[in-house]
Amino acid sequence: MTYRPPVNDILSAMTHVAGLNEAVAAGLYGDLDLDFVRSILDEAGKFAADKLAPLNRTGDKSGALWTQEGVKTAPGWIEAYAAFTEGGWNSVAGPLAHGGMGLPEVVNLACIEMWNSANMGFGLCPLLTIGAIHALEAHGSEALKAIYLDKMIAGTWTGTMNLTEPQSGSDLSTLRAKAEPVGDGTYRIKGQKIYISYGDHDLTENIIHLVLARLPDAPAGTRGISLFLVPKFLVNADGSLGARNDAFCASIEHKLGLHASPTCTMVFGDQQGAVGYLVGEENRGLNCMFTMMNSARLAVGVQGVAVAEGATQKALAFAQERKQGKAPGRSEASAAIIHHADVQRMLLTMKSLTQASRGICMLTAACLDRAHLAKDAQALNRASLLTPIAKAFSTDNANEVASLGVQVHGGMGYVEETGAAQYLRDARILAIYEGTNGIQALDLVQRKLPLDGGAVVVQEINRLRERVAAIPSDAAYGYGATADLLGQAVESLAAATAYLTSAAPGAIMAGATAYLRLFGLALGGVCLVEMALGAQGAHDHDSRIALARFFAEHIATAAPGLATSIIQGADAISLQGLM
């Protein structure tokens, strides 16, 4: 099976969920129009299918290789990356002032989906560079921007973010990496960072590390963290590369999946100290890094959509070809398994979860565009509310969808030759990196529900109620019980929200993960309905209605139970049952 770019599905989410047409009509995106967006997506999809997808299995089997001279990427990676940058794909959302295309984030993320669906091991590298660009653009000095942004936007240099250390995990308050001021405006960075994706490779001439470290007089905890730019090679005054910096990859991890993406242990300052440059203000590094992390969290949500899309395509193709057992209403002795009801259930679950997740991610990206381009504070608050849902709901779904993909393949899914297992292995990290999904849930209930005194989440729930009210209830339209069941999901969300806004801290934390899932079900179901309503008169109208109905009647039905767990189940989460 070859990867087929789902351009029509992506455009459906962009137009009917993310409001692309309305934004274009309002002039938010300048002279951008839907035909141009489609042409961009068509070309990005062609690159994904023709250049990246054929390397996916190769990269998984070969992996990245650590050597004394540096990390070597899988066969074909260097050529593919050269073609990627020559095509200008690294610069899609980059600012025009530094050589970028200046296209909106919603278009950029659509491209990111296809590249990661075709080959996530490759797609992770430019994804991280984009996040580093955002952080440097927002917080870097004019001098740093002048030296580094053009090269990073072009893809000539890639970027990383260095947060985690062996003793700290997700708790950044315990970071130990040090930064000593030299007196000439530079710092000497010393310390070790782990789990650094693409911390070293042979794709580009330079790698720009964004590193969290502490100044000598820094206060304890997260208030004492600063952010530094540490290049692999120092840059001369004329822009040429200078001496090798004291920043090296000591080893790479042997992982469950994403074998082609080198996950590095980085050592800074093992000799004289790695030369670094302060980004933003002293002791405000975490604020700067959150710019990159929030960008990356949404992008990781899109990676979840990407893996789910790839797994769904593979399972659907297999189900249409694999013959086994007699199916009701079929004359042949051995029917293609797609005609069996349980296989249809699995495939519909895969497809509906994928498209619901895509809708949420596209909506979040559109809110970020509006916040940035129109300086809209309400849109920024809405994006802040939706980001943890986009990241966690989509990546949880990626794991479920990839697992179902193996199940559809049966025994053939458990062996490597079909490729179904790679999606499951690659997907597993998505719920872990860029903040585990448990951390995303805590962020949602502790930081995002109180936004604007709780008004942001109330407005979102009211929007969902309005969308549900627009669902046709006449049986002739084919929506079945969609309106009733999505209405129940939204009201379950409202009840759980009201409870959490006044609950004790322990109860809030206990209900966080269930609440995020509940929010995703209500919002995802509405996204599917919006795509169905928007497809009226199109060739796929009936299939979109059927998909929205399946989600409402088979998946969103979990919403009332989740609300019960949130409101009544906090006391059941305790150490007692583990002893």
Protein backbone atom coordinates (compact mmCIF):
# COMPACT_ATOMS: atom_id res chain seq x y z
CA MET A 1 0.00 0.00 0.00
CA THR A 2 1.25 3.47 -0.85
CA TYR A 3 0.46 6.54 1.25
CA ARG A 4 -2.38 8.64 -0.19
CA PRO A 5 -2.36 12.28 0.94
CA PRO A 6 -5.84 12.99 2.43
CA VAL A 7 -6.03 16.48 0.95
CA ASN A 8 -9.85 16.54 0.77
CA ASP A 9 -10.20 15.48 4.41
CA ILE A 10 -7.66 18.09 5.50
CA LEU A 11 -9.41 20.82 3.50
CA SER A 12 -12.74 19.78 5.00
CA ALA A 13 -11.33 20.28 8.50
CA MET A 14 -9.70 23.57 7.52
CA THR A 15 -12.79 25.06 5.92
CA HIS A 16 -15.72 23.66 7.93
CA VAL A 17 -14.12 23.38 11.38
CA ALA A 18 -11.27 25.89 11.37
CA GLY A 19 -13.19 28.54 9.38
CA LEU A 20 -10.65 29.05 6.61
CA ASN A 21 -13.16 30.56 4.18
CA GLU A 22 -14.43 33.05 6.75
CA ALA A 23 -10.89 34.05 7.69
CA VAL A 24 -9.97 34.56 4.04
CA ALA A 25 -13.13 36.60 3.41
CA ALA A 26 -12.36 38.77 6.44
CA GLY A 27 -8.88 39.48 5.08
CA LEU A 28 -7.07 37.75 7.94
CA TYR A 29 -4.79 35.88 5.53
CA GLY A 30 -4.19 38.65 3.04
CA ASP A 31 -4.56 37.52 -0.56
CA LEU A 32 -4.57 33.81 0.32
CA ASP A 33 -7.39 31.83 -1.30
CA LEU A 34 -8.66 28.27 -1.17
CA ASP A 35 -7.30 27.35 -4.62
CA PHE A 36 -3.79 28.37 -3.56
CA VAL A 37 -4.11 26.44 -0.30
CA ARG A 38 -5.17 23.35 -2.22
CA SER A 39 -2.20 23.70 -4.57
CA ILE A 40 0.17 23.93 -1.59
CA LEU A 41 -1.38 20.85 0.02
CA ASP A 42 -1.33 18.92 -3.26
CA GLU A 43 2.39 19.58 -3.69
CA ALA A 44 3.18 18.85 -0.04
CA GLY A 45 1.23 15.61 -0.31
CA LYS A 46 3.08 14.66 -3.48
CA PHE A 47 6.42 15.20 -1.73
CA ALA A 48 5.23 13.11 1.21
CA ALA A 49 4.05 10.25 -1.00
CA ASP A 50 6.90 10.27 -3.51
CA LYS A 51 9.94 11.18 -1.41
CA LEU A 52 9.22 10.41 2.25
CA ALA A 53 6.89 7.40 2.32
CA PRO A 54 9.31 5.11 0.43
CA LEU A 55 11.94 5.77 3.14
CA ASN A 56 9.67 5.04 6.11
CA ARG A 57 10.32 1.30 6.29
CA THR A 58 14.00 1.76 5.40
CA GLY A 59 14.48 4.21 8.23
CA ASP A 60 12.71 1.94 10.69
CA LYS A 61 14.91 -1.03 9.79
CA SER A 62 18.22 0.83 9.52
CA GLY A 63 17.77 3.41 12.26
CA ALA A 64 20.23 6.16 13.13
CA LEU A 65 23.84 5.22 13.95
CA TRP A 66 26.13 6.79 16.55
CA THR A 67 29.80 7.09 15.52
CA GLN A 68 32.84 8.92 16.89
CA GLU A 69 32.46 11.39 14.02
CA GLY A 70 28.80 12.07 14.78
CA VAL A 71 25.36 10.55 14.23
CA LYS A 72 24.65 9.11 10.80
CA THR A 73 21.05 9.09 9.59
CA ALA A 74 19.37 6.27 7.68
CA PRO A 75 20.04 5.66 3.96
CA GLY A 76 18.27 8.19 1.78
CA TRP A 77 17.78 10.72 4.60
CA ILE A 78 20.41 13.20 3.42
CA GLU A 79 19.01 13.27 -0.12
CA ALA A 80 15.43 13.55 1.12
CA TYR A 81 16.28 16.43 3.43
CA ALA A 82 18.11 18.24 0.63
CA ALA A 83 15.03 17.89 -1.56
CA PHE A 84 12.85 19.05 1.34
CA THR A 85 14.77 22.30 1.80
CA GLU A 86 15.23 22.89 -1.93
CA GLY A 87 11.46 22.71 -2.27
CA GLY A 88 11.13 25.43 0.38
CA TRP A 89 9.07 23.21 2.67
CA ASN A 90 10.92 24.19 5.81
CA SER A 91 9.93 27.83 5.30
CA VAL A 92 6.15 27.49 4.89
CA ALA A 93 5.22 29.44 8.04
CA GLY A 94 8.50 31.34 8.39
CA PRO A 95 8.27 35.16 8.49
CA LEU A 96 8.75 36.92 5.17
CA ALA A 97 11.44 39.16 6.66
CA HIS A 98 13.71 36.16 7.09
CA GLY A 99 12.99 34.34 3.85
CA GLY A 100 9.88 32.42 4.86
CA MET A 101 6.65 32.05 2.90
CA GLY A 102 4.64 33.69 5.67
CA LEU A 103 1.74 31.24 5.30
CA PRO A 104 -0.65 30.72 8.22
CA GLU A 105 -0.08 28.06 10.85
CA VAL A 106 -3.17 26.14 9.76
CA VAL A 107 -1.56 25.55 6.35
CA ASN A 108 1.81 24.69 7.87
CA LEU A 109 0.29 22.10 10.18
CA ALA A 110 -1.59 20.52 7.30
CA CYS A 111 1.75 20.01 5.56
CA ILE A 112 3.31 18.70 8.78
CA GLU A 113 0.55 16.10 9.02
CA MET A 114 1.31 14.67 5.61
CA TRP A 115 5.06 14.59 6.10
CA ASN A 116 4.70 12.81 9.44
CA SER A 117 2.05 10.45 8.13
CA ALA A 118 4.38 9.40 5.36
CA ASN A 119 7.48 9.21 7.56
CA MET A 120 7.37 10.43 11.16
CA GLY A 121 11.03 9.57 11.77
CA PHE A 122 11.93 12.16 9.14
CA GLY A 123 9.15 14.65 9.91
CA LEU A 124 10.21 15.14 13.52
CA CYS A 125 13.40 16.98 12.54
CA PRO A 126 11.81 19.98 10.74
CA LEU A 127 8.99 20.01 13.29
CA LEU A 128 11.49 20.78 16.06
CA THR A 129 13.23 23.38 13.94
CA ILE A 130 9.93 25.22 13.47
CA GLY A 131 9.46 25.33 17.26
CA ALA A 132 12.97 26.71 17.75
CA ILE A 133 12.26 29.36 15.12
CA HIS A 134 9.13 30.45 17.02
CA ALA A 135 11.08 30.77 20.28
CA LEU A 136 13.94 32.69 18.71
CA GLU A 137 11.62 34.97 16.76
CA ALA A 138 9.60 35.79 19.90
CA HIS A 139 12.41 36.16 22.45
CA GLY A 140 15.78 36.40 20.72
CA SER A 141 17.80 39.60 20.40
CA GLU A 142 17.97 41.30 17.02
CA ALA A 143 21.60 40.20 16.77
CA LEU A 144 20.72 36.53 17.27
CA LYS A 145 17.83 36.74 14.83
CA ALA A 146 20.09 38.28 12.20
CA ILE A 147 22.62 35.47 12.53
CA TYR A 148 20.39 32.41 12.92
CA LEU A 149 16.81 32.90 11.70
CA ASP A 150 17.42 32.99 7.94
CA LYS A 151 19.43 29.78 8.03
CA MET A 152 16.95 27.97 10.26
CA ILE A 153 13.94 29.03 8.22
CA ALA A 154 15.65 27.88 5.05
CA GLY A 155 16.42 24.57 6.76
CA THR A 156 20.15 25.00 6.24
CA TRP A 157 20.48 24.74 10.02
CA THR A 158 18.13 22.71 12.22
CA GLY A 159 17.01 23.37 15.79
CA THR A 160 16.51 21.36 18.97
CA MET A 161 15.23 21.97 22.47
CA ASN A 162 17.20 20.70 25.44
CA LEU A 163 15.10 20.46 28.61
CA THR A 164 15.24 17.07 30.27
CA GLU A 165 18.09 15.81 32.45
CA PRO A 166 18.58 12.34 33.97
CA GLN A 167 17.39 13.36 37.44
CA SER A 168 14.58 15.71 36.42
CA GLY A 169 12.26 14.02 33.93
CA SER A 170 9.25 16.32 33.57
CA ASP A 171 10.11 18.27 36.74
CA LEU A 172 12.14 21.13 35.32
CA SER A 173 12.55 22.72 38.76
CA THR A 174 15.39 20.24 39.44
CA LEU A 175 17.51 21.12 36.40
CA ARG A 176 21.26 21.26 37.14
CA ALA A 177 22.85 22.46 33.87
CA LYS A 178 24.92 25.59 34.56
CA ALA A 179 25.65 28.75 32.61
CA GLU A 180 28.67 30.85 33.60
CA PRO A 181 28.83 34.42 32.25
CA VAL A 182 32.18 35.20 30.64
CA GLY A 183 31.89 38.97 30.53
CA ASP A 184 31.81 39.39 26.76
CA GLY A 185 28.10 38.73 26.40
CA THR A 186 28.52 34.98 26.08
CA TYR A 187 28.12 32.17 28.59
CA ARG A 188 29.78 28.81 29.13
CA ILE A 189 27.20 26.03 29.34
CA LYS A 190 27.96 22.85 31.27
CA GLY A 191 25.67 19.91 31.87
CA GLN A 192 23.94 16.88 30.38
CA LYS A 193 20.61 16.67 28.59
CA ILE A 194 18.77 13.50 27.63
CA TYR A 195 16.10 12.51 25.09
CA ILE A 196 17.14 15.22 22.63
CA SER A 197 15.55 14.41 19.28
CA TYR A 198 17.89 15.10 16.38
CA GLY A 199 20.48 16.41 18.84
CA ASP A 200 23.08 15.32 16.30
CA HIS A 201 22.84 14.21 12.67
CA ASP A 202 24.44 14.57 9.25
CA LEU A 203 21.61 16.38 7.45
CA THR A 204 22.82 19.96 7.88
CA GLU A 205 26.04 21.86 8.42
CA ASN A 206 24.97 23.26 11.79
CA ILE A 207 22.54 22.43 14.61
CA ILE A 208 21.15 25.14 16.88
CA HIS A 209 20.42 23.93 20.40
CA LEU A 210 18.10 25.85 22.73
CA VAL A 211 19.25 24.84 26.21
CA LEU A 212 17.77 25.47 29.66
CA ALA A 213 20.43 26.15 32.32
CA ARG A 214 20.96 28.04 35.58
CA LEU A 215 23.07 31.13 36.18
CA PRO A 216 25.34 31.09 39.29
CA ASP A 217 23.06 33.35 41.36
CA ALA A 218 19.77 31.97 40.04
CA PRO A 219 16.93 31.35 42.49
CA ALA A 220 15.87 27.77 43.11
CA GLY A 221 13.12 26.04 41.15
CA THR A 222 11.68 27.02 37.81
CA ARG A 223 12.12 30.75 38.59
CA GLY A 224 15.86 30.31 38.20
CA ILE A 225 16.02 28.86 34.70
CA SER A 226 17.43 30.75 31.72
CA LEU A 227 17.42 29.88 28.03
CA PHE A 228 20.55 29.81 25.88
CA LEU A 229 21.26 29.34 22.20
CA VAL A 230 24.18 26.92 21.78
CA PRO A 231 25.26 26.21 18.18
CA LYS A 232 27.08 23.01 17.22
CA PHE A 233 29.52 25.18 15.28
CA LEU A 234 30.23 28.76 16.26
CA VAL A 235 29.39 31.39 13.65
CA ASN A 236 31.95 33.95 12.48
CA ALA A 237 31.16 37.62 12.02
CA ASP A 238 30.75 37.14 8.26
CA GLY A 239 28.19 34.33 8.78
CA SER A 240 30.58 31.49 7.97
CA LEU A 241 31.02 28.57 10.31
CA GLY A 242 33.83 28.72 12.83
CA ALA A 243 35.17 26.37 15.48
CA ARG A 244 33.36 23.31 16.78
CA ASN A 245 31.52 24.15 19.99
CA ASP A 246 31.90 22.07 23.14
CA ALA A 247 28.55 20.34 22.63
CA PHE A 248 28.54 16.66 21.70
CA CYS A 249 26.23 13.68 21.44
CA ALA A 250 27.53 11.02 23.83
CA SER A 251 25.08 8.29 22.76
CA ILE A 252 21.71 7.63 21.16
CA GLU A 253 18.84 5.64 22.63
CA HIS A 254 17.66 2.21 21.47
CA LYS A 255 13.91 2.72 21.35
CA LEU A 256 10.59 0.96 20.87
CA GLY A 257 9.88 3.01 17.74
CA LEU A 258 10.97 6.06 15.76
CA HIS A 259 14.23 4.25 15.04
CA ALA A 260 15.24 6.66 12.29
CA SER A 261 15.03 9.68 14.59
CA PRO A 262 18.22 9.93 16.70
CA THR A 263 17.33 10.48 20.38
CA CYS A 264 20.54 11.84 21.84
CA THR A 265 22.25 12.23 25.18
CA MET A 266 23.90 15.62 24.83
CA VAL A 267 26.93 16.69 26.85
CA PHE A 268 27.65 20.42 27.05
CA GLY A 269 30.95 21.74 28.36
CA ASP A 270 32.83 18.51 28.84
CA GLN A 271 36.01 20.44 28.04
CA GLN A 272 36.22 24.24 28.28
CA GLY A 273 32.46 24.87 28.26
CA ALA A 274 30.01 25.24 25.41
CA VAL A 275 29.61 28.82 24.16
CA GLY A 276 26.02 29.97 24.58
CA TYR A 277 24.00 33.14 24.06
CA LEU A 278 21.17 34.27 26.31
CA VAL A 279 17.70 34.18 24.75
CA GLY A 280 15.27 36.52 26.47
CA GLU A 281 15.82 37.67 30.05
CA GLU A 282 17.86 36.01 32.76
CA ASN A 283 15.83 33.58 34.90
CA ARG A 284 12.92 33.79 32.46
CA GLY A 285 13.97 30.90 30.28
CA LEU A 286 10.97 28.72 30.94
CA ASN A 287 8.68 31.47 29.66
CA CYS A 288 10.73 31.59 26.46
CA MET A 289 10.85 27.82 26.12
CA PHE A 290 7.08 27.57 26.51
CA THR A 291 6.79 29.40 23.19
CA MET A 292 8.60 26.47 21.60
CA MET A 293 6.88 23.87 23.76
CA ASN A 294 3.36 25.11 22.99
CA SER A 295 4.15 25.13 19.30
CA ALA A 296 5.56 21.64 19.60
CA ARG A 297 2.59 20.36 21.63
CA LEU A 298 0.13 21.24 18.89
CA ALA A 299 2.51 19.81 16.30
CA VAL A 300 2.74 16.57 18.28
CA GLY A 301 -1.06 16.45 18.28
CA VAL A 302 -0.83 16.68 14.50
CA GLN A 303 1.71 13.85 14.57
CA GLY A 304 -0.97 11.83 16.34
CA VAL A 305 -3.37 12.58 13.48
CA ALA A 306 -0.62 11.66 11.03
CA VAL A 307 0.09 8.25 12.54
CA ALA A 308 -3.62 7.52 12.88
CA GLU A 309 -4.17 8.44 9.23
CA GLY A 310 -1.35 6.16 8.06
CA ALA A 311 -2.54 3.25 10.21
CA THR A 312 -6.11 3.72 8.99
CA GLN A 313 -5.11 3.77 5.34
CA LYS A 314 -3.07 0.60 5.75
CA ALA A 315 -5.81 -1.25 7.65
CA LEU A 316 -8.51 -0.21 5.18
CA ALA A 317 -6.44 -1.39 2.20
CA PHE A 318 -5.74 -4.72 3.92
CA ALA A 319 -9.42 -5.23 4.84
CA GLN A 320 -10.47 -4.74 1.22
CA GLU A 321 -8.02 -7.41 0.03
CA ARG A 322 -7.94 -10.01 2.81
CA LYS A 323 -10.58 -12.71 2.37
CA GLN A 324 -11.72 -14.79 5.30
CA GLY A 325 -15.06 -16.26 6.38
CA LYS A 326 -18.53 -15.94 4.94
CA ALA A 327 -20.19 -12.56 5.45
CA PRO A 328 -23.93 -12.01 5.88
CA GLY A 329 -25.60 -11.08 2.59
CA ARG A 330 -22.55 -12.12 0.55
CA SER A 331 -22.63 -15.07 -1.84
CA GLU A 332 -18.91 -15.88 -1.91
CA ALA A 333 -17.60 -18.57 0.42
CA SER A 334 -14.78 -16.31 1.58
CA ALA A 335 -15.50 -12.58 1.66
CA ALA A 336 -13.15 -9.66 2.08
CA ILE A 337 -13.02 -8.96 5.81
CA ILE A 338 -14.28 -5.41 5.28
CA HIS A 339 -17.75 -6.97 4.94
CA HIS A 340 -17.67 -8.29 8.52
CA ALA A 341 -19.45 -6.03 11.02
CA ASP A 342 -16.72 -6.11 13.64
CA VAL A 343 -14.06 -5.15 11.12
CA GLN A 344 -16.29 -2.30 9.97
CA ARG A 345 -16.61 -1.23 13.61
CA MET A 346 -12.84 -1.13 14.01
CA LEU A 347 -12.28 0.74 10.76
CA LEU A 348 -15.02 3.28 11.55
CA THR A 349 -13.50 3.80 14.99
CA MET A 350 -10.10 4.41 13.39
CA LYS A 351 -11.42 6.78 10.75
CA SER A 352 -13.72 8.78 13.04
CA LEU A 353 -11.08 9.22 15.77
CA THR A 354 -8.57 10.34 13.14
CA GLN A 355 -10.86 12.92 11.58
CA ALA A 356 -12.16 14.18 14.93
CA SER A 357 -8.57 14.70 16.08
CA ARG A 358 -7.71 16.48 12.85
CA GLY A 359 -10.62 18.85 13.31
CA ILE A 360 -9.52 19.77 16.84
CA CYS A 361 -5.92 20.39 15.73
CA MET A 362 -6.97 22.52 12.75
CA LEU A 363 -9.32 24.54 14.96
CA THR A 364 -6.53 25.16 17.46
CA ALA A 365 -4.17 26.27 14.69
CA ALA A 366 -6.78 28.67 13.32
CA CYS A 367 -7.19 30.22 16.78
CA LEU A 368 -3.42 30.72 16.97
CA ASP A 369 -3.45 32.38 13.55
CA ARG A 370 -6.22 34.74 14.61
CA ALA A 371 -4.43 35.52 17.88
CA HIS A 372 -1.21 36.31 16.03
CA LEU A 373 -2.50 38.06 12.93
CA ALA A 374 -5.45 39.95 14.42
CA LYS A 375 -3.94 40.44 17.90
CA ASP A 376 -7.09 38.80 19.23
CA ALA A 377 -6.81 38.08 22.97
CA GLN A 378 -9.95 35.93 22.98
CA ALA A 379 -8.55 33.76 20.21
CA LEU A 380 -5.33 33.34 22.17
CA ASN A 381 -7.28 32.24 25.23
CA ARG A 382 -9.26 29.79 23.14
CA ALA A 383 -6.06 28.37 21.63
CA SER A 384 -4.62 28.03 25.12
CA LEU A 385 -7.68 26.08 26.22
CA LEU A 386 -7.63 23.80 23.18
CA THR A 387 -3.88 23.07 22.98
CA PRO A 388 -3.70 20.40 25.72
CA ILE A 389 -6.80 18.74 24.23
CA ALA A 390 -5.29 18.79 20.73
CA LYS A 391 -2.07 17.25 22.02
CA ALA A 392 -3.41 14.60 24.39
CA PHE A 393 -6.70 13.59 22.75
CA SER A 394 -5.04 13.22 19.34
CA THR A 395 -2.07 11.22 20.59
CA ASP A 396 -4.19 8.96 22.81
CA ASN A 397 -6.27 8.31 19.71
CA ALA A 398 -3.12 7.61 17.69
CA ASN A 399 -2.23 4.80 20.07
CA GLU A 400 -5.76 3.38 19.96
CA VAL A 401 -6.01 3.66 16.18
CA ALA A 402 -2.58 2.10 15.59
CA SER A 403 -3.46 -0.77 17.93
CA LEU A 404 -6.74 -1.34 16.08
CA GLY A 405 -4.77 -1.31 12.84
CA VAL A 406 -2.77 -4.29 14.09
CA GLN A 407 -6.02 -5.99 15.12
CA VAL A 408 -7.57 -5.53 11.68
CA HIS A 409 -4.52 -7.24 10.19
CA GLY A 410 -4.88 -10.13 12.64
CA GLY A 411 -1.74 -12.24 12.95
CA MET A 412 -0.22 -10.44 9.97
CA GLY A 413 -0.36 -7.22 11.98
CA TYR A 414 1.87 -8.65 14.68
CA VAL A 415 4.72 -9.38 12.27
CA GLU A 416 6.81 -6.58 10.87
CA GLU A 417 6.45 -7.25 7.17
CA THR A 418 3.01 -5.63 6.85
CA GLY A 419 4.13 -2.37 8.45
CA ALA A 420 1.13 -2.18 10.79
CA ALA A 421 3.33 -2.77 13.83
CA GLN A 422 5.56 0.21 13.03
CA TYR A 423 2.64 2.61 13.42
CA LEU A 424 1.95 1.20 16.88
CA ARG A 425 5.61 1.40 17.90
CA ASP A 426 6.06 4.90 16.52
CA ALA A 427 2.82 6.17 18.06
CA ARG A 428 3.68 5.18 21.62
CA ILE A 429 6.05 8.08 22.26
CA LEU A 430 3.48 10.69 21.26
CA ALA A 431 1.58 10.47 24.54
CA ILE A 432 4.89 10.86 26.41
CA TYR A 433 7.04 13.54 24.84
CA GLU A 434 6.38 17.30 24.87
CA GLY A 435 4.67 16.83 28.23
CA THR A 436 2.99 13.52 29.03
CA ASN A 437 -0.73 13.40 28.45
CA GLY A 438 -1.28 13.35 32.20
CA ILE A 439 0.56 16.67 32.39
CA GLN A 440 -1.58 18.01 29.55
CA ALA A 441 -4.69 17.05 31.52
CA LEU A 442 -3.41 18.80 34.64
CA ASP A 443 -2.59 21.87 32.57
CA LEU A 444 -6.15 21.86 31.25
CA VAL A 445 -7.91 21.64 34.62
CA GLN A 446 -5.49 23.71 36.69
CA ARG A 447 -4.44 26.49 34.31
CA LYS A 448 -6.85 26.61 31.39
CA LEU A 449 -10.26 26.24 33.05
CA PRO A 450 -9.65 29.37 35.18
CA LEU A 451 -8.77 31.51 32.12
CA ASP A 452 -10.63 34.82 32.23
CA GLY A 453 -12.45 33.75 35.38
CA GLY A 454 -13.76 30.60 33.69
CA ALA A 455 -15.39 32.53 30.84
CA VAL A 456 -13.25 30.89 28.13
CA VAL A 457 -14.43 27.34 28.83
CA VAL A 458 -18.04 28.48 29.29
CA GLN A 459 -17.93 30.17 25.88
CA GLU A 460 -16.52 26.99 24.32
CA ILE A 461 -19.28 24.84 25.83
CA ASN A 462 -21.90 27.31 24.58
CA ARG A 463 -20.40 27.09 21.09
CA LEU A 464 -20.74 23.32 21.24
CA ARG A 465 -24.37 23.64 22.30
CA GLU A 466 -25.05 25.90 19.32
CA ARG A 467 -23.45 23.43 16.91
CA VAL A 468 -25.43 20.50 18.34
CA ALA A 469 -28.65 22.49 17.96
CA ALA A 470 -27.95 22.75 14.22
CA ILE A 471 -27.87 18.97 13.69
CA PRO A 472 -30.93 17.79 11.71
CA SER A 473 -33.15 15.47 13.76
CA ASP A 474 -35.33 14.32 10.86
CA ALA A 475 -34.58 10.66 10.11
CA ALA A 476 -34.45 11.45 6.40
CA TYR A 477 -31.12 13.23 6.90
CA GLY A 478 -29.41 10.10 8.23
CA TYR A 479 -27.95 11.49 11.44
CA GLY A 480 -29.81 9.02 13.62
CA ALA A 481 -29.37 9.81 17.33
CA THR A 482 -26.40 12.11 16.71
CA ALA A 483 -28.05 15.26 18.04
CA ASP A 484 -29.31 13.58 21.21
CA LEU A 485 -26.07 11.77 22.01
CA LEU A 486 -23.73 14.67 21.26
CA GLY A 487 -26.07 16.85 23.28
CA GLN A 488 -25.62 14.45 26.19
CA ALA A 489 -21.84 14.60 25.71
CA VAL A 490 -21.84 18.40 25.80
CA GLU A 491 -24.03 18.52 28.89
CA SER A 492 -21.83 15.93 30.56
CA LEU A 493 -18.89 18.23 29.82
CA ALA A 494 -20.79 21.18 31.28
CA ALA A 495 -21.60 19.25 34.47
CA ALA A 496 -18.01 18.07 34.89
CA THR A 497 -16.73 21.60 34.28
CA ALA A 498 -19.04 23.06 36.91
CA TYR A 499 -17.86 20.43 39.39
CA LEU A 500 -14.15 20.97 38.74
CA THR A 501 -14.35 24.74 39.06
CA SER A 502 -15.25 24.37 42.74
CA ALA A 503 -13.74 20.99 43.66
CA ALA A 504 -10.87 20.41 46.06
CA PRO A 505 -7.37 20.27 44.51
CA GLY A 506 -7.10 16.51 44.98
CA ALA A 507 -10.40 15.89 43.22
CA ILE A 508 -9.43 18.21 40.38
CA MET A 509 -6.20 16.30 39.79
CA ALA A 510 -7.93 12.92 40.08
CA GLY A 511 -10.46 13.85 37.40
CA ALA A 512 -8.05 15.58 35.01
CA THR A 513 -7.42 12.80 32.49
CA ALA A 514 -11.07 11.76 32.32
CA TYR A 515 -12.03 15.41 31.87
CA LEU A 516 -9.65 15.91 28.95
CA ARG A 517 -11.03 12.78 27.28
CA LEU A 518 -14.58 13.98 27.86
CA PHE A 519 -13.75 17.38 26.35
CA GLY A 520 -12.19 15.68 23.33
CA LEU A 521 -15.25 13.49 22.76
CA ALA A 522 -17.67 16.41 22.85
CA LEU A 523 -15.50 18.69 20.73
CA GLY A 524 -14.42 15.92 18.33
CA GLY A 525 -18.01 14.84 17.73
CA VAL A 526 -19.01 18.39 16.90
CA CYS A 527 -16.03 18.69 14.51
CA LEU A 528 -17.26 15.63 12.60
CA VAL A 529 -20.77 17.09 12.40
CA GLU A 530 -19.42 20.39 11.09
CA MET A 531 -17.55 18.53 8.35
CA ALA A 532 -20.73 16.62 7.49
CA LEU A 533 -22.90 19.74 7.41
CA GLY A 534 -20.30 21.54 5.32
CA ALA A 535 -20.20 18.72 2.76
CA GLN A 536 -23.81 19.21 1.64
CA GLY A 537 -23.98 18.61 -2.10
CA ALA A 538 -20.50 17.07 -2.23
CA HIS A 539 -19.83 13.51 -3.34
CA ASP A 540 -18.78 12.47 0.17
CA HIS A 541 -21.74 14.03 2.00
CA ASP A 542 -23.39 10.74 2.94
CA SER A 543 -20.14 9.17 4.14
CA ARG A 544 -19.39 12.16 6.36
CA ILE A 545 -22.86 11.95 7.91
CA ALA A 546 -22.36 8.23 8.51
CA LEU A 547 -19.00 8.86 10.16
CA ALA A 548 -20.39 11.58 12.45
CA ARG A 549 -23.29 9.29 13.38
CA PHE A 550 -20.97 6.39 14.18
CA PHE A 551 -18.85 8.60 16.44
CA ALA A 552 -21.92 9.87 18.28
CA GLU A 553 -23.54 6.46 18.70
CA HIS A 554 -20.46 4.33 19.41
CA ILE A 555 -17.74 6.60 20.85
CA ALA A 556 -19.25 9.75 22.35
CA THR A 557 -21.56 7.52 24.40
CA ALA A 558 -18.67 7.23 26.88
CA ALA A 559 -19.16 10.87 27.88
CA PRO A 560 -21.75 10.43 30.67
CA GLY A 561 -19.64 7.69 32.24
CA LEU A 562 -16.57 9.91 32.19
CA ALA A 563 -18.54 12.70 33.86
CA THR A 564 -19.62 10.24 36.58
CA SER A 565 -15.99 9.23 37.15
CA ILE A 566 -14.95 12.88 37.45
CA ILE A 567 -17.76 13.94 39.79
CA GLN A 568 -18.04 10.82 41.94
CA GLY A 569 -14.82 8.86 41.49
CA ALA A 570 -12.04 10.92 43.06
CA ASP A 571 -12.00 8.97 46.34
CA ALA A 572 -11.52 5.69 44.46
CA ILE A 573 -8.08 6.87 43.27
CA SER A 574 -5.84 6.05 46.21
CA LEU A 575 -2.81 4.04 47.26
CA GLN A 576 -4.97 1.61 49.22
CA GLY A 577 -5.89 -0.46 46.20
CA LEU A 578 -2.23 -0.77 45.23
CA MET A 579 -1.02 -2.21 48.51
